Each structure stands twice: as C-alpha cells, then as structure tokens.
Protein backbone atom coordinates (compact mmCIF):
# COMPACT_ATOMS: atom_id res chain seq x y z
CA MET A 1 0.00 0.00 0.00
CA PRO A 2 1.55 3.37 -0.96
CA PHE A 3 2.08 6.32 1.35
CA VAL A 4 -0.17 9.12 0.06
CA ALA A 5 0.25 12.86 0.60
CA THR A 6 -3.01 14.85 0.37
CA ASN A 7 -3.19 18.63 0.56
CA PRO A 8 -5.72 19.29 3.36
CA THR A 9 -6.39 22.80 2.08
CA THR A 10 -7.80 21.49 -1.20
CA GLY A 11 -8.32 17.76 -0.64
CA GLU A 12 -6.17 16.99 -3.66
CA VAL A 13 -3.60 14.16 -3.74
CA ILE A 14 -0.09 15.58 -4.08
CA ALA A 15 2.06 12.48 -4.44
CA THR A 16 2.36 8.81 -3.57
CA TYR A 17 5.36 6.86 -2.30
CA SER A 18 5.84 3.09 -2.40
CA SER A 19 6.13 1.23 0.88
CA LEU A 20 8.97 -1.17 1.55
CA ASP A 21 8.65 -4.87 0.83
CA ALA A 22 10.40 -7.54 2.91
CA ALA A 23 13.66 -7.11 0.99
CA GLY A 24 13.54 -3.34 1.46
CA ILE A 25 13.03 -3.66 5.21
CA GLU A 26 15.91 -6.15 5.39
CA ASN A 27 18.17 -3.67 3.61
CA VAL A 28 17.24 -0.95 6.11
CA LEU A 29 17.99 -3.18 9.08
CA ASP A 30 21.25 -4.41 7.58
CA ARG A 31 22.48 -0.89 6.83
CA SER A 32 21.50 0.20 10.33
CA SER A 33 23.35 -2.68 11.97
CA ARG A 34 26.52 -2.13 9.98
CA ALA A 35 26.42 1.63 10.55
CA PHE A 36 26.15 1.24 14.32
CA GLU A 37 29.37 -0.76 14.55
CA THR A 38 31.36 2.20 13.25
CA TRP A 39 29.20 5.11 14.38
CA ARG A 40 29.37 4.07 18.03
CA GLN A 41 33.15 4.50 17.88
CA THR A 42 33.11 8.05 16.54
CA SER A 43 33.98 10.91 18.85
CA PHE A 44 31.48 13.46 20.09
CA SER A 45 33.34 16.11 18.12
CA GLU A 46 32.87 14.14 14.90
CA ARG A 47 29.18 13.68 15.60
CA ALA A 48 28.76 17.34 16.51
CA LEU A 49 30.40 18.49 13.28
CA LEU A 50 27.85 16.59 11.21
CA MET A 51 24.90 17.55 13.41
CA ASN A 52 25.80 21.23 13.10
CA ARG A 53 26.08 20.79 9.37
CA ALA A 54 22.57 19.33 9.26
CA ALA A 55 21.36 22.35 11.24
CA GLU A 56 23.01 24.68 8.73
CA LEU A 57 21.26 22.94 5.86
CA LEU A 58 17.91 23.31 7.60
CA GLU A 59 18.50 26.98 8.29
CA SER A 60 19.39 27.61 4.66
CA GLU A 61 16.14 26.06 3.41
CA VAL A 62 13.53 27.29 5.88
CA PRO A 63 10.91 28.61 3.40
CA VAL A 64 11.08 25.56 1.13
CA VAL A 65 10.82 23.06 3.99
CA ALA A 66 8.06 25.08 5.68
CA GLU A 67 5.98 25.14 2.50
CA MET A 68 6.37 21.36 2.23
CA MET A 69 4.94 20.93 5.73
CA SER A 70 2.06 23.31 5.07
CA ARG A 71 1.24 21.48 1.87
CA GLU A 72 1.23 18.01 3.46
CA MET A 73 -0.54 18.61 6.78
CA GLY A 74 -1.99 22.13 6.75
CA LYS A 75 0.26 23.84 9.28
CA THR A 76 0.35 27.61 8.77
CA PHE A 77 3.42 28.82 6.92
CA ALA A 78 4.48 30.94 9.89
CA ALA A 79 4.19 28.00 12.28
CA ALA A 80 6.04 25.75 9.84
CA LYS A 81 8.94 28.18 9.59
CA GLY A 82 9.11 28.27 13.38
CA GLU A 83 9.18 24.47 13.48
CA VAL A 84 12.11 24.30 11.07
CA ALA A 85 14.05 26.86 13.10
CA LYS A 86 13.34 24.96 16.32
CA CYS A 87 14.67 21.75 14.76
CA ALA A 88 17.92 23.44 13.79
CA MET A 89 18.27 24.97 17.24
CA THR A 90 17.79 21.58 18.91
CA MET A 91 20.36 19.94 16.65
CA ARG A 92 22.86 22.60 17.70
CA TYR A 93 21.91 22.18 21.35
CA TYR A 94 22.75 18.47 21.36
CA ALA A 95 25.83 18.99 19.24
CA GLU A 96 27.08 21.28 22.00
CA HIS A 97 25.86 19.47 25.12
CA ALA A 98 25.71 15.73 24.38
CA GLU A 99 29.27 15.05 25.47
CA SER A 100 28.84 16.68 28.88
CA MET A 101 25.42 15.04 29.35
CA LEU A 102 26.94 11.60 28.75
CA ALA A 103 30.23 12.10 30.55
CA SER A 104 31.23 9.18 32.78
CA GLU A 105 30.48 9.66 36.46
CA ALA A 106 32.95 8.61 39.14
CA ILE A 107 31.37 7.15 42.28
CA ALA A 108 33.47 6.48 45.36
CA THR A 109 33.38 2.83 46.52
CA SER A 110 35.84 0.38 48.05
CA GLY A 111 37.48 -0.02 44.64
CA THR A 112 40.27 2.03 43.15
CA ALA A 113 37.98 3.26 40.37
CA SER A 114 34.24 2.93 39.97
CA GLY A 115 31.30 4.71 38.51
CA ILE A 116 28.94 4.84 35.53
CA ARG A 117 29.40 5.01 31.78
CA PHE A 118 26.69 5.88 29.27
CA ASP A 119 27.21 3.76 26.17
CA PRO A 120 25.06 3.62 23.01
CA ILE A 121 22.81 0.59 22.59
CA GLY A 122 22.20 0.28 18.85
CA ALA A 123 19.39 0.97 16.42
CA VAL A 124 16.32 2.79 17.72
CA LEU A 125 13.07 2.63 15.75
CA ALA A 126 11.09 5.87 15.91
CA ILE A 127 7.38 5.78 15.03
CA MET A 128 6.41 9.39 14.56
CA PRO A 129 3.14 11.31 13.95
CA TRP A 130 2.11 13.83 11.33
CA ASN A 131 1.25 16.88 13.43
CA PHE A 132 4.83 18.15 13.90
CA PRO A 133 6.39 16.23 11.02
CA LEU A 134 9.92 17.58 11.42
CA TRP A 135 10.09 18.54 15.09
CA GLN A 136 9.00 15.27 16.62
CA ALA A 137 11.43 13.30 14.48
CA VAL A 138 14.32 15.66 15.23
CA ARG A 139 13.39 15.65 18.91
CA PHE A 140 14.21 11.95 18.78
CA ALA A 141 17.04 11.99 16.24
CA ALA A 142 19.32 14.71 17.59
CA PRO A 143 19.94 13.21 21.06
CA THR A 144 19.80 9.60 19.86
CA VAL A 145 22.37 10.02 17.11
CA MET A 146 24.61 12.24 19.23
CA ALA A 147 24.62 9.46 21.86
CA GLY A 148 26.19 7.11 19.29
CA ASN A 149 23.03 5.21 18.37
CA VAL A 150 21.54 4.94 14.90
CA GLY A 151 17.95 5.78 14.01
CA ILE A 152 15.24 4.30 11.81
CA LEU A 153 12.32 6.64 11.16
CA LYS A 154 8.89 5.15 10.47
CA HIS A 155 6.89 8.29 9.86
CA ALA A 156 3.15 8.83 9.53
CA PRO A 157 1.87 7.77 6.10
CA ASN A 158 0.36 11.17 5.27
CA VAL A 159 3.62 13.17 5.49
CA PRO A 160 5.89 11.14 3.20
CA ALA A 161 7.72 14.10 1.69
CA CYS A 162 8.70 15.31 5.17
CA ALA A 163 9.89 11.80 6.02
CA GLU A 164 11.93 11.53 2.83
CA PHE A 165 13.42 14.98 3.43
CA LEU A 166 14.61 14.03 6.92
CA GLY A 167 16.26 10.86 5.70
CA MET A 168 18.07 12.79 2.97
CA LEU A 169 19.01 15.64 5.31
CA PHE A 170 21.32 13.46 7.37
CA ARG A 171 22.94 12.00 4.27
CA ARG A 172 23.42 15.48 2.74
CA ALA A 173 25.06 16.62 5.97
CA GLY A 174 27.63 13.85 5.63
CA PHE A 175 26.39 11.26 8.13
CA PRO A 176 27.50 7.76 7.10
CA GLU A 177 24.92 5.63 5.32
CA GLY A 178 22.62 3.91 7.77
CA VAL A 179 23.11 6.27 10.72
CA PHE A 180 19.67 7.79 10.17
CA GLN A 181 17.22 6.33 7.67
CA ASN A 182 13.66 7.01 6.64
CA ALA A 183 11.76 3.77 6.01
CA PHE A 184 8.27 3.57 4.50
CA ILE A 185 7.20 0.65 6.68
CA GLU A 186 3.59 -0.54 6.72
CA ILE A 187 1.78 -0.90 10.06
CA GLU A 188 1.54 -4.66 9.69
CA ASP A 189 5.34 -4.92 9.39
CA ILE A 190 6.16 -2.94 12.54
CA GLU A 191 5.92 -5.91 14.89
CA GLY A 192 8.56 -7.81 12.93
CA VAL A 193 10.89 -4.81 12.88
CA ILE A 194 10.62 -4.29 16.64
CA ALA A 195 11.22 -7.99 17.22
CA ASP A 196 14.31 -8.06 15.01
CA PRO A 197 17.47 -8.47 17.14
CA ARG A 198 19.14 -5.66 15.22
CA VAL A 199 16.67 -3.18 16.73
CA ALA A 200 17.56 -2.29 20.31
CA ALA A 201 14.65 -0.05 21.28
CA VAL A 202 11.59 1.78 20.03
CA THR A 203 10.05 5.18 20.66
CA LEU A 204 6.58 6.27 19.65
CA THR A 205 4.72 9.56 19.65
CA GLY A 206 1.08 9.00 18.84
CA SER A 207 -2.27 7.86 20.10
CA GLU A 208 -2.94 5.91 23.27
CA ARG A 209 -4.12 2.99 21.11
CA ALA A 210 -0.86 2.95 19.15
CA GLY A 211 1.12 3.23 22.37
CA ARG A 212 -0.57 0.20 23.90
CA SER A 213 0.16 -1.84 20.78
CA VAL A 214 3.81 -0.81 20.46
CA GLY A 215 4.39 -1.12 24.21
CA GLU A 216 2.99 -4.64 24.18
CA ILE A 217 5.22 -5.68 21.26
CA ALA A 218 8.27 -4.10 22.86
CA GLY A 219 7.56 -5.79 26.18
CA ARG A 220 7.06 -9.15 24.56
CA ASN A 221 10.50 -8.78 22.95
CA LEU A 222 12.15 -7.22 26.02
CA LYS A 223 12.95 -4.00 24.18
CA LYS A 224 13.23 -0.63 25.87
CA CYS A 225 10.56 1.82 24.74
CA VAL A 226 9.50 5.42 25.28
CA LEU A 227 5.87 6.38 24.69
CA GLU A 228 4.60 9.93 24.28
CA LEU A 229 0.84 9.59 23.87
CA GLY A 230 -2.29 11.68 24.03
CA GLY A 231 -3.19 14.46 26.39
CA SER A 232 -6.08 16.62 27.50
CA ASP A 233 -4.15 19.41 29.17
CA ALA A 234 -5.89 21.67 31.66
CA PHE A 235 -5.57 25.46 31.49
CA ILE A 236 -6.52 26.68 34.97
CA ILE A 237 -7.59 30.29 35.47
CA ALA A 238 -7.25 31.12 39.15
CA ASP A 239 -8.80 33.96 41.14
CA SER A 240 -5.70 36.16 40.83
CA ALA A 241 -5.25 35.71 37.05
CA ASP A 242 -4.64 38.80 34.93
CA LEU A 243 -7.17 38.25 32.15
CA ASP A 244 -5.63 40.88 29.89
CA ASP A 245 -2.58 38.60 29.82
CA VAL A 246 -4.47 35.31 29.89
CA ILE A 247 -6.89 35.67 26.96
CA PRO A 248 -4.34 35.86 24.10
CA PHE A 249 -2.41 32.94 25.56
CA ALA A 250 -5.61 30.94 26.02
CA VAL A 251 -6.40 31.30 22.33
CA THR A 252 -2.85 30.37 21.32
CA ALA A 253 -2.87 27.41 23.70
CA ARG A 254 -5.96 25.98 22.00
CA VAL A 255 -5.47 26.80 18.30
CA GLN A 256 -1.71 26.29 17.92
CA ASN A 257 -0.96 23.90 15.06
CA ASN A 258 -4.64 24.14 14.08
CA GLY A 259 -5.50 22.65 17.46
CA GLN A 260 -3.67 19.42 16.61
CA SER A 261 -1.10 19.18 19.37
CA CYS A 262 -0.83 16.72 22.23
CA ILE A 263 0.21 19.53 24.58
CA ALA A 264 -2.39 22.03 23.40
CA SER A 265 -4.68 23.17 26.20
CA LYS A 266 -8.03 21.49 25.71
CA ARG A 267 -9.89 21.96 29.00
CA PHE A 268 -10.17 25.52 30.31
CA ILE A 269 -11.03 25.34 33.99
CA VAL A 270 -11.94 28.70 35.51
CA VAL A 271 -12.88 29.55 39.10
CA ALA A 272 -16.40 30.94 39.54
CA SER A 273 -15.23 34.44 40.50
CA ARG A 274 -13.61 34.89 37.06
CA ALA A 275 -15.83 32.64 34.94
CA GLU A 276 -18.21 35.15 33.38
CA GLU A 277 -15.51 37.59 32.29
CA PHE A 278 -13.12 34.90 31.08
CA THR A 279 -15.75 33.02 29.09
CA SER A 280 -17.15 36.07 27.31
CA ARG A 281 -13.71 37.42 26.39
CA PHE A 282 -12.40 34.00 25.38
CA VAL A 283 -15.41 33.34 23.13
CA GLU A 284 -15.00 36.73 21.47
CA ALA A 285 -11.27 36.13 20.86
CA MET A 286 -11.79 32.60 19.53
CA GLY A 287 -14.54 33.83 17.20
CA ALA A 288 -12.16 36.43 15.76
CA VAL A 289 -9.44 33.91 14.81
CA VAL A 290 -8.80 33.94 11.06
CA VAL A 291 -9.32 30.56 9.38
CA GLY A 292 -8.02 29.99 5.88
CA ASN A 293 -5.26 28.96 3.53
CA PRO A 294 -2.16 28.16 5.63
CA MET A 295 0.06 29.98 3.11
CA ASP A 296 -1.83 33.25 3.67
CA PRO A 297 0.05 35.40 6.24
CA ALA A 298 -3.26 36.46 7.81
CA THR A 299 -4.28 32.88 8.60
CA VAL A 300 -4.07 31.71 12.19
CA VAL A 301 -5.88 28.37 11.81
CA GLY A 302 -5.53 26.24 8.70
CA PRO A 303 -7.29 23.00 7.81
CA LEU A 304 -7.28 19.84 9.85
CA VAL A 305 -5.01 17.17 8.44
CA SER A 306 -7.70 15.01 6.81
CA ALA A 307 -11.39 14.57 6.20
CA ALA A 308 -11.39 11.78 8.79
CA GLN A 309 -9.84 14.09 11.39
CA ARG A 310 -12.40 16.82 10.68
CA ASP A 311 -15.35 14.42 10.70
CA GLY A 312 -14.17 12.74 13.89
CA LEU A 313 -13.90 16.10 15.67
CA ALA A 314 -17.36 17.09 14.44
CA ALA A 315 -18.78 13.84 15.81
CA GLN A 316 -17.29 14.54 19.23
CA VAL A 317 -18.71 18.07 19.29
CA ASN A 318 -22.12 16.86 18.10
CA ASP A 319 -22.22 14.25 20.85
CA GLY A 320 -21.39 16.92 23.41
CA ILE A 321 -24.20 19.16 22.16
CA LYS A 322 -26.61 16.23 22.09
CA ASN A 323 -25.83 15.73 25.77
CA GLY A 324 -26.45 19.33 26.80
CA ALA A 325 -23.37 21.30 25.77
CA ARG A 326 -23.64 24.69 24.06
CA ALA A 327 -21.33 25.99 21.35
CA LEU A 328 -20.82 29.70 22.02
CA THR A 329 -18.82 30.07 18.80
CA GLY A 330 -18.10 27.64 15.98
CA GLY A 331 -19.50 24.16 16.41
CA ALA A 332 -19.69 22.80 12.85
CA PRO A 333 -17.31 22.14 9.91
CA LEU A 334 -16.93 24.93 7.36
CA ASP A 335 -18.37 24.50 3.89
CA GLY A 336 -16.21 24.35 0.79
CA PRO A 337 -13.07 22.47 -0.23
CA GLY A 338 -10.50 21.38 2.31
CA PHE A 339 -10.83 20.03 5.82
CA PHE A 340 -11.63 23.16 7.83
CA TYR A 341 -13.14 23.33 11.31
CA PRO A 342 -13.52 26.71 13.03
CA PRO A 343 -12.30 27.61 16.52
CA THR A 344 -15.07 26.44 18.84
CA VAL A 345 -15.91 27.01 22.50
CA LEU A 346 -18.18 24.57 24.34
CA VAL A 347 -19.72 25.15 27.77
CA ASP A 348 -22.03 23.04 29.95
CA VAL A 349 -20.23 19.92 28.72
CA ASP A 350 -21.29 16.64 30.29
CA LEU A 351 -18.13 14.87 31.45
CA ALA A 352 -19.58 11.57 30.24
CA SER A 353 -20.10 12.84 26.68
CA ARG A 354 -17.47 12.36 23.99
CA ALA A 355 -16.58 16.07 24.15
CA GLY A 356 -16.18 15.72 27.89
CA CYS A 357 -14.09 12.58 28.17
CA GLU A 358 -12.13 12.23 24.91
CA GLU A 359 -9.12 14.11 23.58
CA LEU A 360 -10.27 16.82 21.16
CA PHE A 361 -7.60 16.99 18.46
CA GLY A 362 -8.64 20.19 16.75
CA PRO A 363 -9.47 23.82 17.63
CA VAL A 364 -12.26 23.02 20.10
CA ALA A 365 -12.07 24.33 23.67
CA VAL A 366 -14.16 23.07 26.57
CA VAL A 367 -14.76 25.60 29.38
CA HIS A 368 -15.60 24.32 32.86
CA THR A 369 -16.55 26.53 35.80
CA VAL A 370 -15.59 25.37 39.31
CA PRO A 371 -15.97 26.92 42.78
CA ASP A 372 -12.28 27.41 43.62
CA LEU A 373 -8.68 26.42 42.91
CA PRO A 374 -8.78 23.07 44.79
CA ALA A 375 -11.80 22.10 42.69
CA ALA A 376 -9.97 23.21 39.54
CA ILE A 377 -6.98 21.03 40.37
CA ALA A 378 -9.25 18.10 41.15
CA LEU A 379 -11.01 18.46 37.79
CA ALA A 380 -7.68 18.83 36.01
CA ASN A 381 -6.66 15.48 37.49
CA ALA A 382 -9.97 13.77 36.69
CA THR A 383 -8.70 12.40 33.38
CA PRO A 384 -6.79 9.28 32.33
CA TRP A 385 -4.08 11.47 30.81
CA GLY A 386 -1.26 13.38 32.45
CA LEU A 387 0.88 15.08 29.84
CA GLY A 388 0.90 18.77 30.71
CA GLY A 389 -1.06 21.55 32.32
CA SER A 390 -0.85 25.24 33.09
CA ILE A 391 -1.85 27.60 35.90
CA TRP A 392 -2.62 31.25 35.31
CA ALA A 393 -2.33 33.32 38.48
CA THR A 394 -0.44 36.28 39.91
CA ASP A 395 -0.60 34.91 43.46
CA GLN A 396 2.44 32.72 44.11
CA VAL A 397 0.51 30.61 46.61
CA GLU A 398 -1.95 29.69 43.86
CA VAL A 399 0.90 28.99 41.42
CA ASP A 400 2.68 26.71 43.90
CA ALA A 401 -0.52 24.85 44.75
CA ALA A 402 -1.18 24.08 41.09
CA ILE A 403 2.40 23.09 40.25
CA SER A 404 2.45 20.62 43.12
CA GLY A 405 -1.14 19.49 42.71
CA ILE A 406 -1.57 18.89 38.97
CA GLU A 407 -0.84 15.27 38.08
CA ALA A 408 1.15 15.64 34.86
CA GLY A 409 4.64 15.34 33.49
CA MET A 410 4.86 19.10 32.91
CA VAL A 411 3.22 22.09 34.57
CA PHE A 412 3.77 25.64 33.31
CA ALA A 413 2.83 28.80 35.21
CA ASN A 414 1.65 31.83 33.22
CA ALA A 415 3.00 30.24 30.06
CA VAL A 416 1.70 27.88 27.42
CA VAL A 417 3.02 24.33 27.76
CA ALA A 418 5.84 23.87 25.26
CA SER A 419 8.80 21.63 24.51
CA THR A 420 12.35 22.90 24.79
CA PRO A 421 15.63 20.98 24.56
CA GLU A 422 16.71 22.09 28.02
CA LEU A 423 13.77 20.47 29.85
CA PRO A 424 12.47 16.88 29.87
CA PHE A 425 9.30 16.25 27.88
CA GLY A 426 6.80 13.49 28.62
CA GLY A 427 3.80 12.47 30.65
CA ILE A 428 2.36 10.09 33.20
CA LYS A 429 -0.77 7.91 33.38
CA ASN A 430 -2.18 7.18 29.90
CA SER A 431 0.00 9.86 28.37
CA GLY A 432 2.86 7.36 28.33
CA PHE A 433 6.22 6.95 29.99
CA GLY A 434 9.83 7.88 29.50
CA ARG A 435 11.19 11.28 28.63
CA GLU A 436 12.46 13.07 25.56
CA LEU A 437 14.81 16.07 25.42
CA SER A 438 17.20 17.35 28.11
CA ALA A 439 19.83 15.16 29.78
CA TYR A 440 17.03 12.80 30.85
CA GLY A 441 15.89 12.25 27.27
CA ILE A 442 19.32 11.49 25.85
CA LYS A 443 19.84 8.88 28.58
CA GLU A 444 16.68 6.92 27.70
CA PHE A 445 18.51 5.03 24.97
CA VAL A 446 21.92 4.37 26.47
CA ASN A 447 23.39 1.55 28.50
CA VAL A 448 23.90 2.91 32.02
CA LYS A 449 26.94 0.75 32.57
CA THR A 450 28.50 0.29 36.00
CA PHE A 451 32.26 -0.09 36.14
CA TYR A 452 34.32 -1.15 39.14
CA GLN A 453 38.03 -1.77 39.51
CA ALA A 454 39.46 -3.40 42.63
C-alpha cells in the first residue's frame, strides 16, 4: 500500500510513495546494523560536526521546507517556519551538550575506580506522527544520534515528503549511510521490525491505542521503549489571574498547530469568580481567529489534516451538544473544499459525553466553571491522561498549589506548555512513559553501565 500525501487545504492528492517490501526492510535493518558498529566508535566532536552541518542545511532552506509541511498537513506557513528553526536549534543544542550530558560519572566505593558510563545501545526505531512532522522526528534523532546510536524513522503515512526529506538531510550533511534512515514501513510490518534483534529499542509519539500496541510488542520482545501519547491538558484560570494577559495565551494554547497538538490546552477550567468575564472574552477572541489557507500570512488556523480528522472532531462536538453542551462560537465544519473546522468554545459539557471525556484533536475548547482552585486542580486530574497543564495566576501561593497538585509530566505557570531541549518532555498515566529532550531524554537510549576496579 503506498504512502499518500493529500493537501488538506484542497483535498487533492499531491504524491504517492511506495512502501517497503520484505527485501527493502531487510536492507534498512542491515544498513542500520553495519552503521552502528562504526558510528558508536566516533567521537562526540565528529558527531557534533555533522549535526551542526545538518542544522546549517535546515536553516538555509527554511521557506522551502516550511511550504512542504504546510502542503502536506496544513500547518500555517508561519508555524512551519518556526518548526524548522526549532529543529535546527535543537540539533545545535545536542551537538554542543551531548558530550557533557553523557560524561562518565565517578562514584566512590571500596574499589580504586568505579562509577557509571553511558554507552550507546544500537538501532532505535522511531514511530512518529504527522502533526509536527519535522520537530517530533528531530526531537528523537538529535539526542539519539549524538549518543552514538543509529535511528530508523517510520513516519506517519500522510507526510511522506517530510519523512523523505529528513532521511536525505542526514545524508546530505555527511552522516555515514545507515546512521539515520527514513523507512516507509507498513503498520503490519512494525511488529517484525521491533522484534528483530538488530533493533535495540523503540520510541513512539502518537495515540494511546498505538502506544498500547507498540508497548505490548516491545515488552514481549524485552525491548526498551518510550511512549509519548495523548493528552487533555488543563488550562486553569485562578482567582488572581490577569485576564488581559491570559486571553491571548488561552487562544494560542488551543489553536496552535490548528489545534492538533498533544500539549495544546483542551480543558479551560476557571474559578467561579472569574468565569463570566473569562468566558465572554475568550469566546469573542476565539470567534475572531482567522481561518483559511495556511500559506496566507493572515491565517491563524488552517485546515485539519484530513477529512477523517475533521469528521471525527465534528462527531465529538455533536455528541457533546446532544448531551447538553452549548457551542458559544463555531461548532460545525466549514463548507467548501478542504478540511476546515472553526475555533469552537463549548460550555455546559457533560463529562460523560465524547466532548467531555475524549481528547479533542482540533481547535475546540471546553470551558468548565468550578468553585475554587482546589476544585480546579481536582477536575484537572480527573482524566486518564497526564501530559501537561498550566496555571494562570499572579498569586504565588496559587501557582505553587497548582504546580504541586496537577498530576502531569509538565506544569507551566503563566505560560503555554511547550517543549524545549533544556527540559524533559513526557507524561504520566495514559500519556505514556519515558522522557524526551534534556539530559534525561538522551539517557533513555543508552546503557547505564556500571564499572568497578578493585
């Protein structure tokens, strides 16, 4: 079955790419295995030279690469350019810091020398999603390759040009063949690839359903895995919040990447004393968001990635309304070509409805009113996910209470939840396990090797 790229702005098929047969997969695994034997022995300075070169190539081609992303998955051109720049920045970050992050640690014992080494483990299979087609792959590749491992990218089937570009980028930068490869692998072949002894570990960013499947296969084959899955992040507006500051960030937190982000705020939980003002201003701001062609500089929200994504979101909203919710703005797909859904605000949402208990992967915000901050934190935690969350308050007591009380892998105060190479990224509960980025992320796929000399 081919990998098909469809322009979500028009619904037109752009291109198709052939998937790998058994011989093609074998070639990928063989190249990866042979590359690891030499790549693991290279110095950090050699790796950094090539990683910086890849960053330079990205920086020199920002508009072209950004347009490719917008064309394949509907990301606005401005957001796509920012994604390319962030990828290059992260490559440079690990080129500079990987050696110090993985430096051996001496630990005093009864021996003459003892401590810990951090050695590479081999080939890591990365199963990546379409919503940040460059960033999420680079978020894996930069630390993994700098650690001395090799990477195999199995990208989402609807962003094949982005996948092909990433595979070629590393080769163009001078990385040896097999150090980082794109592989058009079908879903039904993934189990065999994970089970192959030449694959040391697997990482997945995607749905909870995909995470359960990959985690089960990895466990059955005793392979290390990292899972970054869904989220339904809470955006808590406390009594002391400055709404002049909050409203623009609330809109950004919900509509970034056309609302298709695991760390986008999806549940806006506001204390009763601020509920009326927040809701009215938030609805007005969401209703004013410009929806349109992602290549138009005025556009803030482009199309959803596919007709299935748009229709699935509409079904969730419709179920919420059927069960008593009200759409104060938006609430139905837009007519015309492309897969457009407008920024939407729902109130009075039944927690048992689909809009109340499922992840909304599109520009739909659910607003809940609660009596006070403890109730807001309790509602924030009343979900199977625990990826991120944010607290908006000027009172430090309220900020501290939320940071300690929200059950998530990341909590931001007066800032939209974001990923940055300096800080670990990942969640708890059904949002997965393991961490990406920072010194913690680079150590997920290394052998923490004890050494002791008498």
